[in-house]
C-alpha atoms as a PDB file:
ATOM      1  CA  MET A   1      -0.020   0.010   0.009  1.00  0.00           C
ATOM      2  CA  ILE A   2       1.154   3.550  -0.719  1.00  0.00           C
ATOM      3  CA  ILE A   3      -0.141   6.673   0.981  1.00  0.00           C
ATOM      4  CA  VAL A   4       0.952   9.679  -1.122  1.00  0.00           C
ATOM      5  CA  GLY A   5       1.309  13.020   0.648  1.00  0.00           C
ATOM      6  CA  LYS A   6       2.595  16.452  -0.451  1.00  0.00           C
ATOM      7  CA  GLU A   7       6.084  15.986   1.079  1.00  0.00           C
ATOM      8  CA  ASP A   8       5.935  12.647   2.895  1.00  0.00           C
ATOM      9  CA  SER A   9       4.621   9.308   1.687  1.00  0.00           C
ATOM     10  CA  PHE A  10       4.297   5.936   3.383  1.00  0.00           C
ATOM     11  CA  VAL A  11       4.853   2.546   1.777  1.00  0.00           C
ATOM     12  CA  ARG A  12       4.025  -0.860   3.178  1.00  0.00           C
ATOM     13  CA  SER A  13       5.507  -3.745   1.255  1.00  0.00           C
ATOM     14  CA  THR A  14       6.514  -7.388   1.327  1.00  0.00           C
ATOM     15  CA  SER A  15       9.606  -9.067  -0.149  1.00  0.00           C
ATOM     16  CA  ALA A  16      10.677 -12.615  -0.878  1.00  0.00           C
ATOM     17  CA  GLY A  17      13.928 -14.099  -2.122  1.00  0.00           C
ATOM     18  CA  THR A  18      17.066 -15.790  -0.853  1.00  0.00           C
ATOM     19  CA  LEU A  19      19.885 -14.891   1.507  1.00  0.00           C
ATOM     20  CA  THR A  20      23.366 -16.152   0.621  1.00  0.00           C
ATOM     21  CA  ILE A  21      26.091 -16.402   3.263  1.00  0.00           C
ATOM     22  CA  LYS A  22      29.303 -15.279   1.570  1.00  0.00           C
ATOM     23  CA  ALA A  23      31.566 -17.229   3.895  1.00  0.00           C
ATOM     24  CA  ASN A  24      30.230 -20.630   2.942  1.00  0.00           C
ATOM     25  CA  GLY A  25      27.803 -20.106   0.034  1.00  0.00           C
ATOM     26  CA  ALA A  26      24.812 -21.440   2.078  1.00  0.00           C
ATOM     27  CA  THR A  27      21.421 -20.019   1.135  1.00  0.00           C
ATOM     28  CA  ALA A  28      18.181 -19.528   3.063  1.00  0.00           C
ATOM     29  CA  THR A  29      14.764 -18.214   2.222  1.00  0.00           C
ATOM     30  CA  GLU A  30      14.312 -14.545   3.043  1.00  0.00           C
ATOM     31  CA  GLU A  31      10.823 -13.206   3.567  1.00  0.00           C
ATOM     32  CA  ASN A  32      10.223  -9.690   5.021  1.00  0.00           C
ATOM     33  CA  GLY A  33       7.529  -7.130   5.655  1.00  0.00           C
ATOM     34  CA  GLU A  34       8.661  -3.463   5.358  1.00  0.00           C
ATOM     35  CA  VAL A  35       7.555   0.017   6.104  1.00  0.00           C
ATOM     36  CA  PHE A  36       9.210   2.870   4.138  1.00  0.00           C
ATOM     37  CA  ILE A  37       8.840   6.558   4.967  1.00  0.00           C
ATOM     38  CA  VAL A  38       9.808   8.510   1.887  1.00  0.00           C
ATOM     39  CA  LYS A  39      10.313  12.253   1.580  1.00  0.00           C
ATOM     40  CA  LYS A  40      10.307  14.512  -1.471  1.00  0.00           C
ATOM     41  CA  ALA A  41      13.553  16.501  -1.812  1.00  0.00           C
ATOM     42  CA  ASP A  42      14.232  18.584  -4.932  1.00  0.00           C
ATOM     43  CA  ASP A  43      11.293  16.921  -6.698  1.00  0.00           C
ATOM     44  CA  GLN A  44      12.710  13.427  -6.056  1.00  0.00           C
ATOM     45  CA  TRP A  45      11.363  10.884  -3.596  1.00  0.00           C
ATOM     46  CA  LYS A  46      14.018   9.599  -1.217  1.00  0.00           C
ATOM     47  CA  ILE A  47      13.883   7.010   1.590  1.00  0.00           C
ATOM     48  CA  ALA A  48      13.832   8.845   4.904  1.00  0.00           C
ATOM     49  CA  ARG A  49      13.041   6.004   7.325  1.00  0.00           C
ATOM     50  CA  TYR A  50      12.961   2.218   6.882  1.00  0.00           C
ATOM     51  CA  LEU A  51      11.946  -0.629   9.183  1.00  0.00           C
ATOM     52  CA  TYR A  52      11.565  -4.295   8.312  1.00  0.00           C
ATOM     53  CA  ASN A  53      10.803  -7.558  10.003  1.00  0.00           C
ATOM     54  CA  LYS A  54      11.299 -11.173   8.963  1.00  0.00           C
ATOM     55  CA  MET A  55       7.939 -12.764   8.459  1.00  0.00           C
ATOM     56  CA  GLY A  56       7.163 -16.079  10.083  1.00  0.00           C
ATOM     57  CA  THR A  57       4.628 -16.770   7.307  1.00  0.00           C
ATOM     58  CA  LEU A  58       4.881 -14.830   3.990  1.00  0.00           C
ATOM     59  CA  SER A  59       1.738 -12.787   3.201  1.00  0.00           C
ATOM     60  CA  GLN A  60       2.826 -11.595  -0.193  1.00  0.00           C
ATOM     61  CA  ALA A  61       1.097  -8.500  -1.600  1.00  0.00           C
ATOM     62  CA  VAL A  62      -0.807  -9.221  -4.763  1.00  0.00           C
ATOM     63  CA  SER A  63      -1.824  -5.673  -5.607  1.00  0.00           C
ATOM     64  CA  THR A  64      -0.924  -2.121  -4.639  1.00  0.00           C
ATOM     65  CA  ASP A  65      -3.511   0.164  -3.094  1.00  0.00           C
ATOM     66  CA  VAL A  66      -2.747   3.893  -3.429  1.00  0.00           C
ATOM     67  CA  THR A  67      -4.335   6.565  -1.208  1.00  0.00           C
ATOM     68  CA  GLU A  68      -3.959  10.315  -1.605  1.00  0.00           C
ATOM     69  CA  ASN A  69      -3.132  12.110   1.565  1.00  0.00           C
ATOM     70  CA  LYS A  70      -4.742  15.498   1.087  1.00  0.00           C
ATOM     71  CA  ALA A  71      -2.763  18.302   2.698  1.00  0.00           C
ATOM     72  CA  SER A  72      -4.411  20.115   5.571  1.00  0.00           C
ATOM     73  CA  SER A  73      -3.212  22.381   8.359  1.00  0.00           C
ATOM     74  CA  TYR A  74      -2.368  21.059  11.783  1.00  0.00           C
ATOM     75  CA  THR A  75      -1.828  22.548  15.224  1.00  0.00           C
ATOM     76  CA  GLU A  76       0.317  21.862  18.241  1.00  0.00           C
ATOM     77  CA  ALA A  77      -2.783  20.195  19.654  1.00  0.00           C
ATOM     78  CA  ASP A  78      -2.482  17.550  16.863  1.00  0.00           C
ATOM     79  CA  ARG A  79       1.161  16.938  17.781  1.00  0.00           C
ATOM     80  CA  SER A  80       0.289  16.708  21.482  1.00  0.00           C
ATOM     81  CA  ALA A  81      -2.522  14.280  20.690  1.00  0.00           C
ATOM     82  CA  ILE A  82      -0.243  12.031  18.591  1.00  0.00           C
ATOM     83  CA  ASN A  83       2.371  12.090  21.347  1.00  0.00           C
ATOM     84  CA  SER A  84      -0.234  11.070  23.911  1.00  0.00           C
ATOM     85  CA  LEU A  85      -1.654   8.306  21.705  1.00  0.00           C
ATOM     86  CA  THR A  86       1.688   6.624  21.376  1.00  0.00           C
ATOM     87  CA  THR A  87       3.417   7.251  24.733  1.00  0.00           C
ATOM     88  CA  ALA A  88       0.480   7.232  27.127  1.00  0.00           C
ATOM     89  CA  THR A  89      -2.730   5.609  25.767  1.00  0.00           C
ATOM     90  CA  HIS A  90      -0.952   2.840  23.789  1.00  0.00           C
ATOM     91  CA  SER A  91       1.502   2.180  26.587  1.00  0.00           C
ATOM     92  CA  SER A  92      -1.246   1.924  29.177  1.00  0.00           C
ATOM     93  CA  ALA A  93      -3.282  -0.531  27.046  1.00  0.00           C
ATOM     94  CA  LEU A  94      -0.240  -2.737  26.694  1.00  0.00           C
ATOM     95  CA  ALA A  95       0.528  -2.554  30.412  1.00  0.00           C
ATOM     96  CA  SER A  96      -3.053  -3.516  31.287  1.00  0.00           C
ATOM     97  CA  SER A  97      -2.850  -6.541  28.833  1.00  0.00           C
ATOM     98  CA  ASP A  98      -6.118  -5.367  27.320  1.00  0.00           C
ATOM     99  CA  ALA A  99      -6.245  -6.634  23.769  1.00  0.00           C
ATOM    100  CA  ALA A 100      -9.508  -4.892  22.962  1.00  0.00           C
ATOM    101  CA  ALA A 101      -8.168  -1.547  24.221  1.00  0.00           C
ATOM    102  CA  VAL A 102      -5.074  -1.905  22.037  1.00  0.00           C
ATOM    103  CA  SER A 103      -7.114  -2.872  18.967  1.00  0.00           C
ATOM    104  CA  ASN A 104      -9.502   0.073  19.521  1.00  0.00           C
ATOM    105  CA  LEU A 105      -6.536   2.526  19.173  1.00  0.00           C
ATOM    106  CA  PHE A 106      -6.308   1.522  15.432  1.00  0.00           C
ATOM    107  CA  GLU A 107      -8.402   2.983  12.616  1.00  0.00           C
ATOM    108  CA  THR A 108     -10.551   0.973  10.195  1.00  0.00           C
ATOM    109  CA  ASN A 109      -7.763  -0.165   7.783  1.00  0.00           C
ATOM    110  CA  ARG A 110      -5.461  -1.140  10.620  1.00  0.00           C
ATOM    111  CA  VAL A 111      -2.262  -3.125  10.054  1.00  0.00           C
ATOM    112  CA  LEU A 112       0.263  -4.650  12.544  1.00  0.00           C
ATOM    113  CA  THR A 113       3.689  -5.805  11.402  1.00  0.00           C
ATOM    114  CA  ALA A 114       5.534  -7.695  14.132  1.00  0.00           C
ATOM    115  CA  PRO A 115       8.826  -9.680  14.082  1.00  0.00           C
ATOM    116  CA  ASP A 116       8.652 -13.268  12.857  1.00  0.00           C
ATOM    117  CA  ALA A 117       4.903 -13.039  12.172  1.00  0.00           C
ATOM    118  CA  PRO A 118       2.623 -12.539   9.211  1.00  0.00           C
ATOM    119  CA  THR A 119       1.211  -9.053   8.670  1.00  0.00           C
ATOM    120  CA  MET A 120      -2.052  -8.745  10.631  1.00  0.00           C
ATOM    121  CA  LYS A 121      -4.849  -6.706   9.036  1.00  0.00           C
ATOM    122  CA  GLY A 122      -8.228  -5.720  10.555  1.00  0.00           C
ATOM    123  CA  ALA A 123      -9.617  -5.478  13.996  1.00  0.00           C
ATOM    124  CA  ALA A 124     -10.274  -9.154  14.616  1.00  0.00           C
ATOM    125  CA  ALA A 125      -6.750 -10.269  13.539  1.00  0.00           C
ATOM    126  CA  ILE A 126      -5.006  -7.587  15.622  1.00  0.00           C
ATOM    127  CA  LYS A 127      -7.142  -8.279  18.704  1.00  0.00           C
ATOM    128  CA  ALA A 128      -6.465 -11.988  18.430  1.00  0.00           C
ATOM    129  CA  THR A 129      -2.775 -11.293  18.073  1.00  0.00           C
ATOM    130  CA  TYR A 130      -2.625  -9.321  21.254  1.00  0.00           C
ATOM    131  CA  GLU A 131      -4.767 -11.884  23.089  1.00  0.00           C
ATOM    132  CA  GLY A 132      -2.105 -14.412  22.197  1.00  0.00           C
ATOM    133  CA  VAL A 133       0.676 -12.110  23.291  1.00  0.00           C
ATOM    134  CA  PHE A 134      -0.924 -11.226  26.631  1.00  0.00           C
ATOM    135  CA  SER A 135      -1.713 -14.891  27.407  1.00  0.00           C
ATOM    136  CA  ALA A 136       2.058 -15.534  27.286  1.00  0.00           C
ATOM    137  CA  ILE A 137       3.653 -12.339  28.587  1.00  0.00           C
ATOM    138  CA  LYS A 138       2.934  -9.109  30.367  1.00  0.00           C
ATOM    139  CA  LEU A 139       4.651  -5.978  28.868  1.00  0.00           C
ATOM    140  CA  THR A 140       5.612  -2.874  30.840  1.00  0.00           C
ATOM    141  CA  LEU A 141       7.046  -0.353  28.364  1.00  0.00           C
ATOM    142  CA  ALA A 142       7.859   3.359  28.402  1.00  0.00           C
ATOM    143  CA  PHE A 143       7.848   4.927  24.946  1.00  0.00           C
ATOM    144  CA  THR A 144      10.155   7.735  23.940  1.00  0.00           C
ATOM    145  CA  ILE A 145       9.310   9.772  20.783  1.00  0.00           C
ATOM    146  CA  ASP A 146      12.314  10.291  18.523  1.00  0.00           C
ATOM    147  CA  GLU A 147      10.410  12.074  15.769  1.00  0.00           C
ATOM    148  CA  ILE A 148       6.892  13.171  14.768  1.00  0.00           C
ATOM    149  CA  VAL A 149       6.245  14.375  11.207  1.00  0.00           C
ATOM    150  CA  ILE A 150       2.712  15.457  10.283  1.00  0.00           C
ATOM    151  CA  ASP A 151       1.626  15.661   6.640  1.00  0.00           C
ATOM    152  CA  GLY A 152      -2.056  16.280   6.018  1.00  0.00           C
ATOM    153  CA  ASP A 153      -4.308  13.724   7.688  1.00  0.00           C
ATOM    154  CA  TYR A 154      -1.418  11.329   8.180  1.00  0.00           C
ATOM    155  CA  SER A 155       1.623  11.432  10.471  1.00  0.00           C
ATOM    156  CA  TYR A 156       4.481   9.105  11.227  1.00  0.00           C
ATOM    157  CA  VAL A 157       6.056   8.577  14.591  1.00  0.00           C
ATOM    158  CA  ARG A 158       9.457   7.074  15.183  1.00  0.00           C
ATOM    159  CA  SER A 159      10.002   5.923  18.744  1.00  0.00           C
ATOM    160  CA  HIS A 160      11.906   3.570  20.974  1.00  0.00           C
ATOM    161  CA  SER A 161      10.737   1.850  24.092  1.00  0.00           C
ATOM    162  CA  GLY A 162      12.186   0.041  27.088  1.00  0.00           C
ATOM    163  CA  GLY A 163      10.949  -1.779  30.118  1.00  0.00           C
ATOM    164  CA  THR A 164      10.323  -5.357  31.109  1.00  0.00           C
ATOM    165  CA  THR A 165       8.596  -8.561  29.930  1.00  0.00           C
ATOM    166  CA  LEU A 166       7.054 -10.813  32.447  1.00  0.00           C
ATOM    167  CA  ILE A 167       6.808 -14.418  31.220  1.00  0.00           C
ATOM    168  CA  ASN A 168       3.517 -15.678  32.589  1.00  0.00           C
ATOM    169  CA  ALA A 169       4.390 -19.422  32.605  1.00  0.00           C
ATOM    170  CA  THR A 170       7.559 -19.010  34.649  1.00  0.00           C
ATOM    171  CA  GLY A 171       7.146 -15.727  36.453  1.00  0.00           C
ATOM    172  CA  GLN A 172      10.531 -14.629  35.105  1.00  0.00           C
ATOM    173  CA  THR A 173      10.996 -10.981  34.306  1.00  0.00           C
ATOM    174  CA  VAL A 174      13.460  -9.985  31.588  1.00  0.00           C
ATOM    175  CA  PRO A 175      14.515  -6.583  30.065  1.00  0.00           C
ATOM    176  CA  ALA A 176      12.673  -5.495  26.943  1.00  0.00           C
ATOM    177  CA  SER A 177      13.592  -2.839  24.297  1.00  0.00           C
ATOM    178  CA  TYR A 178      12.062  -2.105  20.926  1.00  0.00           C
ATOM    179  CA  ARG A 179      12.126   0.343  17.973  1.00  0.00           C
ATOM    180  CA  GLU A 180       8.832   1.408  16.466  1.00  0.00           C
ATOM    181  CA  ILE A 181       7.234   3.199  13.575  1.00  0.00           C
ATOM    182  CA  PHE A 182       3.625   4.288  13.827  1.00  0.00           C
ATOM    183  CA  VAL A 183       1.727   5.651  10.880  1.00  0.00           C
ATOM    184  CA  VAL A 184      -1.278   7.426  12.398  1.00  0.00           C
ATOM    185  CA  LYS A 185      -4.384   8.923  10.629  1.00  0.00           C
ATOM    186  CA  LYS A 186      -6.777  11.617  11.676  1.00  0.00           C
ATOM    187  CA  VAL A 187     -10.303  10.228  11.571  1.00  0.00           C
ATOM    188  CA  ASP A 188     -13.237  12.489  12.516  1.00  0.00           C
ATOM    189  CA  GLY A 189     -10.815  14.756  14.427  1.00  0.00           C
ATOM    190  CA  VAL A 190      -9.187  11.901  16.365  1.00  0.00           C
ATOM    191  CA  TRP A 191      -5.755  10.461  15.722  1.00  0.00           C
ATOM    192  CA  LYS A 192      -5.705   6.676  15.303  1.00  0.00           C
ATOM    193  CA  ILE A 193      -2.987   4.174  14.579  1.00  0.00           C
ATOM    194  CA  SER A 194      -3.135   3.095  10.960  1.00  0.00           C
ATOM    195  CA  TRP A 195       0.025   0.962  10.662  1.00  0.00           C
ATOM    196  CA  TYR A 196       2.327  -0.187  13.481  1.00  0.00           C
ATOM    197  CA  ALA A 197       5.592  -1.845  12.878  1.00  0.00           C
ATOM    198  CA  TYR A 198       8.236  -2.724  15.474  1.00  0.00           C
ATOM    199  CA  ASN A 199      11.312  -4.794  16.047  1.00  0.00           C
ATOM    200  CA  GLN A 200      13.625  -5.554  18.899  1.00  0.00           C
ATOM    201  CA  SER A 201      16.592  -3.334  19.636  1.00  0.00           C
ATOM    202  CA  SER A 202      19.935  -5.128  19.401  1.00  0.00           C
END
C-alpha cells in the first residue's frame, strides 16, 4: 500500500527471495515485511526511514492500493494528541494486557507488522494477536518519541521503548527494548493508529 502526501509518503510492502552467506555459500529463504517513509527533496522521492521484519509466514502483496493524503493544516494540539496516543494511551493498554483496548486505538484499515509473524490486518486479527501475546507475557514499556512528522491527515512517529517482559508461565522478568514506527491517521478529528511496525533493539 502507498499513501501519497505532499512531502511525505508511506509505503508498506513485502519481499521474498534468498539470502546467501558469503563465507560458505549457504542459502536460506528470506521473507520480510517492510515500512518505508519517503520524503520529497528537490522533486525526487528519497527514503527517509525504513523498518523491516522477517515474516514467520509470508503474506505476499498481490496488488498495490494507493491513497492520496490530502494536505491540511495542523496545530500543536495535533502533535500533542499524537504524542499522547503513542506514549500514554498505547503504553497503558499494553501494560493492562487489554487486547480490545489496544485494537481500539487503530483505525478501520489497521495493520500490525511484528517480528517473525505474518502481517495482521483488521480489528479481529489484531485483537487476536494481542490476546495471544498477553496470554504468554505481560509488557511494561515506556515509549520515547524520537520524531513526529505530520503531513495532512497522516503522520508518522518514530520511537523507541524500554521496560520489562514478564513471562507468565515461569514468572521470570526480563529486560525489553524495541524500536517502532507508527503511521497514524486523523479520523473525525481523532488520531488513530493506521500501521504499526516494530522490532527488537539489538
